[in-house]
PDB file of N, CA and C in Angstrom:
ATOM      1  N   MET A   1       2.545 -25.241  68.317  1.00  0.00           N
ATOM      2  CA  MET A   1       4.105 -25.884  68.796  1.00  0.00           C
ATOM      3  C   MET A   1       4.230 -25.657  70.293  1.00  0.00           C
ATOM      4  N   ASP A   2       4.316 -26.790  71.053  1.00  0.00           N
ATOM      5  CA  ASP A   2       4.491 -26.476  72.231  1.00  0.00           C
ATOM      6  C   ASP A   2       5.922 -26.903  72.642  1.00  0.00           C
ATOM      7  N   TYR A   3       6.459 -25.978  73.203  1.00  0.00           N
ATOM      8  CA  TYR A   3       7.512 -25.899  73.886  1.00  0.00           C
ATOM      9  C   TYR A   3       7.884 -26.286  75.156  1.00  0.00           C
ATOM     10  N   THR A   4       8.836 -26.977  75.339  1.00  0.00           N
ATOM     11  CA  THR A   4       9.625 -27.533  77.109  1.00  0.00           C
ATOM     12  C   THR A   4      10.476 -27.341  77.405  1.00  0.00           C
ATOM     13  N   HIS A   5      10.729 -26.680  78.403  1.00  0.00           N
ATOM     14  CA  HIS A   5      12.110 -26.695  79.098  1.00  0.00           C
ATOM     15  C   HIS A   5      12.928 -27.868  79.005  1.00  0.00           C
ATOM     16  N   PHE A   6      14.287 -28.139  79.437  1.00  0.00           N
ATOM     17  CA  PHE A   6      14.859 -28.736  79.605  1.00  0.00           C
ATOM     18  C   PHE A   6      14.615 -29.458  80.906  1.00  0.00           C
ATOM     19  N   ILE A   7      14.766 -30.441  81.646  1.00  0.00           N
ATOM     20  CA  ILE A   7      14.357 -30.957  83.198  1.00  0.00           C
ATOM     21  C   ILE A   7      15.936 -30.801  83.407  1.00  0.00           C
ATOM     22  N   GLN A   8      16.263 -30.845  84.842  1.00  0.00           N
ATOM     23  CA  GLN A   8      17.764 -30.754  85.049  1.00  0.00           C
ATOM     24  C   GLN A   8      18.665 -32.275  84.584  1.00  0.00           C
ATOM     25  N   ASP A   9      17.249 -33.727  84.731  1.00  0.00           N
ATOM     26  CA  ASP A   9      18.327 -34.961  84.083  1.00  0.00           C
ATOM     27  C   ASP A   9      18.848 -34.439  82.937  1.00  0.00           C
ATOM     28  N   GLU A  10      17.849 -34.107  82.364  1.00  0.00           N
ATOM     29  CA  GLU A  10      18.256 -34.061  80.795  1.00  0.00           C
ATOM     30  C   GLU A  10      19.203 -33.057  80.518  1.00  0.00           C
ATOM     31  N   ARG A  11      19.186 -32.342  81.328  1.00  0.00           N
ATOM     32  CA  ARG A  11      20.782 -31.164  81.618  1.00  0.00           C
ATOM     33  C   ARG A  11      22.034 -31.866  81.653  1.00  0.00           C
ATOM     34  N   TYR A  12      22.036 -32.680  82.460  1.00  0.00           N
ATOM     35  CA  TYR A  12      23.044 -34.032  83.078  1.00  0.00           C
ATOM     36  C   TYR A  12      23.166 -34.835  82.530  1.00  0.00           C
ATOM     37  N   GLN A  13      22.272 -35.138  81.508  1.00  0.00           N
ATOM     38  CA  GLN A  13      22.297 -36.484  80.510  1.00  0.00           C
ATOM     39  C   GLN A  13      23.192 -35.481  79.166  1.00  0.00           C
ATOM     40  N   ILE A  14      22.910 -34.754  78.671  1.00  0.00           N
ATOM     41  CA  ILE A  14      23.922 -33.748  77.892  1.00  0.00           C
ATOM     42  C   ILE A  14      25.245 -33.981  78.529  1.00  0.00           C
ATOM     43  N   ALA A  15      25.500 -33.154  79.596  1.00  0.00           N
ATOM     44  CA  ALA A  15      26.908 -32.697  79.379  1.00  0.00           C
ATOM     45  C   ALA A  15      27.596 -33.955  79.910  1.00  0.00           C
ATOM     46  N   ILE A  16      26.851 -35.243  80.214  1.00  0.00           N
ATOM     47  CA  ILE A  16      27.714 -36.662  80.177  1.00  0.00           C
ATOM     48  C   ILE A  16      28.134 -37.067  78.782  1.00  0.00           C
ATOM     49  N   LEU A  17      26.902 -36.908  78.224  1.00  0.00           N
ATOM     50  CA  LEU A  17      27.060 -37.269  76.829  1.00  0.00           C
ATOM     51  C   LEU A  17      28.383 -36.528  76.017  1.00  0.00           C
ATOM     52  N   ASN A  18      27.782 -35.143  76.278  1.00  0.00           N
ATOM     53  CA  ASN A  18      28.645 -34.543  75.739  1.00  0.00           C
ATOM     54  C   ASN A  18      30.297 -34.849  75.629  1.00  0.00           C
ATOM     55  N   LYS A  19      30.439 -34.691  77.284  1.00  0.00           N
ATOM     56  CA  LYS A  19      31.800 -35.045  77.871  1.00  0.00           C
ATOM     57  C   LYS A  19      32.389 -36.462  77.051  1.00  0.00           C
ATOM     58  N   ALA A  20      31.888 -37.025  77.035  1.00  0.00           N
ATOM     59  CA  ALA A  20      31.923 -38.518  76.756  1.00  0.00           C
ATOM     60  C   ALA A  20      32.430 -38.413  75.166  1.00  0.00           C
ATOM     61  N   GLY A  21      31.903 -37.762  74.632  1.00  0.00           N
ATOM     62  CA  GLY A  21      31.993 -37.506  73.290  1.00  0.00           C
ATOM     63  C   GLY A  21      31.467 -37.866  72.207  1.00  0.00           C
ATOM     64  N   HIS A  22      30.398 -37.863  72.461  1.00  0.00           N
ATOM     65  CA  HIS A  22      28.880 -38.032  71.789  1.00  0.00           C
ATOM     66  C   HIS A  22      28.542 -36.759  70.729  1.00  0.00           C
ATOM     67  N   ALA A  23      28.367 -37.232  69.563  1.00  0.00           N
ATOM     68  CA  ALA A  23      28.248 -35.921  68.466  1.00  0.00           C
ATOM     69  C   ALA A  23      26.870 -35.517  69.078  1.00  0.00           C
ATOM     70  N   GLN A  24      26.724 -34.566  68.602  1.00  0.00           N
ATOM     71  CA  GLN A  24      25.501 -33.351  69.076  1.00  0.00           C
ATOM     72  C   GLN A  24      24.103 -34.321  68.899  1.00  0.00           C
ATOM     73  N   SER A  25      24.096 -34.894  67.205  1.00  0.00           N
ATOM     74  CA  SER A  25      22.901 -35.425  67.035  1.00  0.00           C
ATOM     75  C   SER A  25      22.892 -36.522  67.520  1.00  0.00           C
ATOM     76  N   GLU A  26      23.711 -37.496  68.178  1.00  0.00           N
ATOM     77  CA  GLU A  26      23.940 -38.840  68.239  1.00  0.00           C
ATOM     78  C   GLU A  26      23.050 -38.704  70.178  1.00  0.00           C
ATOM     79  N   ILE A  27      23.373 -37.400  70.567  1.00  0.00           N
ATOM     80  CA  ILE A  27      22.505 -37.227  71.806  1.00  0.00           C
ATOM     81  C   ILE A  27      21.407 -36.942  71.312  1.00  0.00           C
ATOM     82  N   ALA A  28      20.680 -35.619  70.902  1.00  0.00           N
ATOM     83  CA  ALA A  28      19.665 -35.708  70.214  1.00  0.00           C
ATOM     84  C   ALA A  28      18.626 -36.591  70.213  1.00  0.00           C
ATOM     85  N   GLN A  29      19.011 -37.346  69.243  1.00  0.00           N
ATOM     86  CA  GLN A  29      18.626 -39.182  69.026  1.00  0.00           C
ATOM     87  C   GLN A  29      18.269 -39.399  70.345  1.00  0.00           C
ATOM     88  N   LEU A  30      19.210 -39.475  71.656  1.00  0.00           N
ATOM     89  CA  LEU A  30      19.157 -40.649  72.588  1.00  0.00           C
ATOM     90  C   LEU A  30      18.151 -39.985  73.498  1.00  0.00           C
ATOM     91  N   ILE A  31      17.861 -38.207  73.851  1.00  0.00           N
ATOM     92  CA  ILE A  31      17.051 -37.798  74.488  1.00  0.00           C
ATOM     93  C   ILE A  31      15.941 -37.890  74.138  1.00  0.00           C
ATOM     94  N   ASP A  32      16.188 -37.477  72.570  1.00  0.00           N
ATOM     95  CA  ASP A  32      14.577 -37.578  71.810  1.00  0.00           C
ATOM     96  C   ASP A  32      14.108 -35.746  71.454  1.00  0.00           C
ATOM     97  N   ARG A  33      15.386 -35.370  71.146  1.00  0.00           N
ATOM     98  CA  ARG A  33      15.001 -33.595  71.261  1.00  0.00           C
ATOM     99  C   ARG A  33      15.646 -33.724  69.261  1.00  0.00           C
ATOM    100  N   TYR A  34      14.946 -32.249  68.907  1.00  0.00           N
ATOM    101  CA  TYR A  34      15.366 -31.782  67.712  1.00  0.00           C
ATOM    102  C   TYR A  34      16.940 -31.327  67.843  1.00  0.00           C
ATOM    103  N   LEU A  35      17.938 -31.497  66.842  1.00  0.00           N
ATOM    104  CA  LEU A  35      19.548 -31.549  67.075  1.00  0.00           C
ATOM    105  C   LEU A  35      19.472 -29.983  67.164  1.00  0.00           C
ATOM    106  N   SER A  36      18.483 -29.008  66.868  1.00  0.00           N
ATOM    107  CA  SER A  36      19.178 -27.278  66.912  1.00  0.00           C
ATOM    108  C   SER A  36      18.650 -26.992  68.644  1.00  0.00           C
ATOM    109  N   THR A  37      17.587 -27.829  69.403  1.00  0.00           N
ATOM    110  CA  THR A  37      17.661 -27.646  70.597  1.00  0.00           C
ATOM    111  C   THR A  37      18.729 -27.957  71.626  1.00  0.00           C
ATOM    112  N   THR A  38      19.009 -29.290  71.245  1.00  0.00           N
ATOM    113  CA  THR A  38      20.155 -29.656  71.756  1.00  0.00           C
ATOM    114  C   THR A  38      21.446 -28.611  71.940  1.00  0.00           C
ATOM    115  N   SER A  39      21.679 -28.600  70.502  1.00  0.00           N
ATOM    116  CA  SER A  39      22.662 -27.809  70.199  1.00  0.00           C
ATOM    117  C   SER A  39      23.037 -26.760  71.097  1.00  0.00           C
ATOM    118  N   ARG A  40      21.879 -25.949  71.032  1.00  0.00           N
ATOM    119  CA  ARG A  40      21.801 -24.824  71.838  1.00  0.00           C
ATOM    120  C   ARG A  40      21.975 -25.190  73.161  1.00  0.00           C
ATOM    121  N   GLU A  41      21.526 -25.944  73.580  1.00  0.00           N
ATOM    122  CA  GLU A  41      22.229 -26.258  75.281  1.00  0.00           C
ATOM    123  C   GLU A  41      23.180 -26.685  75.545  1.00  0.00           C
ATOM    124  N   VAL A  42      24.056 -27.311  74.402  1.00  0.00           N
ATOM    125  CA  VAL A  42      25.504 -27.290  75.110  1.00  0.00           C
ATOM    126  C   VAL A  42      26.066 -26.373  74.451  1.00  0.00           C
ATOM    127  N   LEU A  43      25.493 -25.357  73.774  1.00  0.00           N
ATOM    128  CA  LEU A  43      26.113 -24.087  73.564  1.00  0.00           C
ATOM    129  C   LEU A  43      26.046 -23.291  74.885  1.00  0.00           C
ATOM    130  N   LEU A  44      24.696 -23.764  75.281  1.00  0.00           N
ATOM    131  CA  LEU A  44      24.769 -22.230  76.014  1.00  0.00           C
ATOM    132  C   LEU A  44      25.564 -22.892  78.005  1.00  0.00           C
ATOM    133  N   ALA A  45      25.684 -24.577  77.733  1.00  0.00           N
ATOM    134  CA  ALA A  45      26.280 -25.317  78.856  1.00  0.00           C
ATOM    135  C   ALA A  45      28.088 -24.896  78.843  1.00  0.00           C
ATOM    136  N   VAL A  46      28.702 -24.423  77.854  1.00  0.00           N
ATOM    137  CA  VAL A  46      30.207 -24.634  77.282  1.00  0.00           C
ATOM    138  C   VAL A  46      29.812 -23.395  77.938  1.00  0.00           C
ATOM    139  N   VAL A  47      28.989 -21.801  77.362  1.00  0.00           N
ATOM    140  CA  VAL A  47      29.153 -20.929  77.499  1.00  0.00           C
ATOM    141  C   VAL A  47      29.440 -20.528  79.136  1.00  0.00           C
ATOM    142  N   SER A  48      28.256 -21.078  79.573  1.00  0.00           N
ATOM    143  CA  SER A  48      27.700 -21.424  81.450  1.00  0.00           C
ATOM    144  C   SER A  48      29.698 -21.717  82.254  1.00  0.00           C
ATOM    145  N   ALA A  49      29.750 -22.790  81.473  1.00  0.00           N
ATOM    146  CA  ALA A  49      31.569 -23.357  82.307  1.00  0.00           C
ATOM    147  C   ALA A  49      32.269 -22.567  81.864  1.00  0.00           C
ATOM    148  N   ALA A  50      32.549 -21.806  80.962  1.00  0.00           N
ATOM    149  CA  ALA A  50      33.651 -20.705  80.775  1.00  0.00           C
ATOM    150  C   ALA A  50      33.356 -19.543  81.876  1.00  0.00           C
ATOM    151  N   ASP A  51      32.096 -19.056  82.170  1.00  0.00           N
ATOM    152  CA  ASP A  51      31.709 -18.078  82.122  1.00  0.00           C
ATOM    153  C   ASP A  51      32.281 -18.150  84.217  1.00  0.00           C
ATOM    154  N   LEU A  52      31.822 -19.413  84.649  1.00  0.00           N
ATOM    155  CA  LEU A  52      32.180 -19.589  85.821  1.00  0.00           C
ATOM    156  C   LEU A  52      33.702 -19.902  86.271  1.00  0.00           C
ATOM    157  N   LYS A  53      34.458 -20.478  85.253  1.00  0.00           N
ATOM    158  CA  LYS A  53      35.707 -20.674  85.359  1.00  0.00           C
ATOM    159  C   LYS A  53      36.353 -19.029  85.190  1.00  0.00           C
ATOM    160  N   LEU A  54      35.844 -18.417  84.755  1.00  0.00           N
ATOM    161  CA  LEU A  54      36.629 -16.900  84.334  1.00  0.00           C
ATOM    162  C   LEU A  54      36.249 -16.160  86.063  1.00  0.00           C
ATOM    163  N   SER A  55      34.768 -16.356  86.402  1.00  0.00           N
ATOM    164  CA  SER A  55      34.427 -15.231  87.826  1.00  0.00           C
ATOM    165  C   SER A  55      35.165 -16.374  88.964  1.00  0.00           C
ATOM    166  N   VAL A  56      36.201 -17.577  88.881  1.00  0.00           N
ATOM    167  CA  VAL A  56      36.692 -18.507  89.320  1.00  0.00           C
ATOM    168  C   VAL A  56      38.306 -17.411  89.420  1.00  0.00           C
ATOM    169  N   HIS A  57      38.375 -17.014  88.542  1.00  0.00           N
ATOM    170  CA  HIS A  57      39.783 -16.804  88.436  1.00  0.00           C
ATOM    171  C   HIS A  57      40.063 -15.188  88.947  1.00  0.00           C
ATOM    172  N   ARG A  58      39.200 -14.589  89.192  1.00  0.00           N
ATOM    173  CA  ARG A  58      38.839 -13.356  89.156  1.00  0.00           C
ATOM    174  C   ARG A  58      39.283 -12.986  90.970  1.00  0.00           C
TER     175      ARG A  58
END
């Protein structure tokens, strides 16, 4: 099985679509990735954003 990392453009697409309220299944279809892969990326983005907010407030 081949594994490819998300490229930065895909991460931007995911962030924009997620913020616009698209379902994760929809996002996965739009960027032609598996739902589980896309879900992990959304979770990582949310956690990273929360970490960034915490570090700013310290």
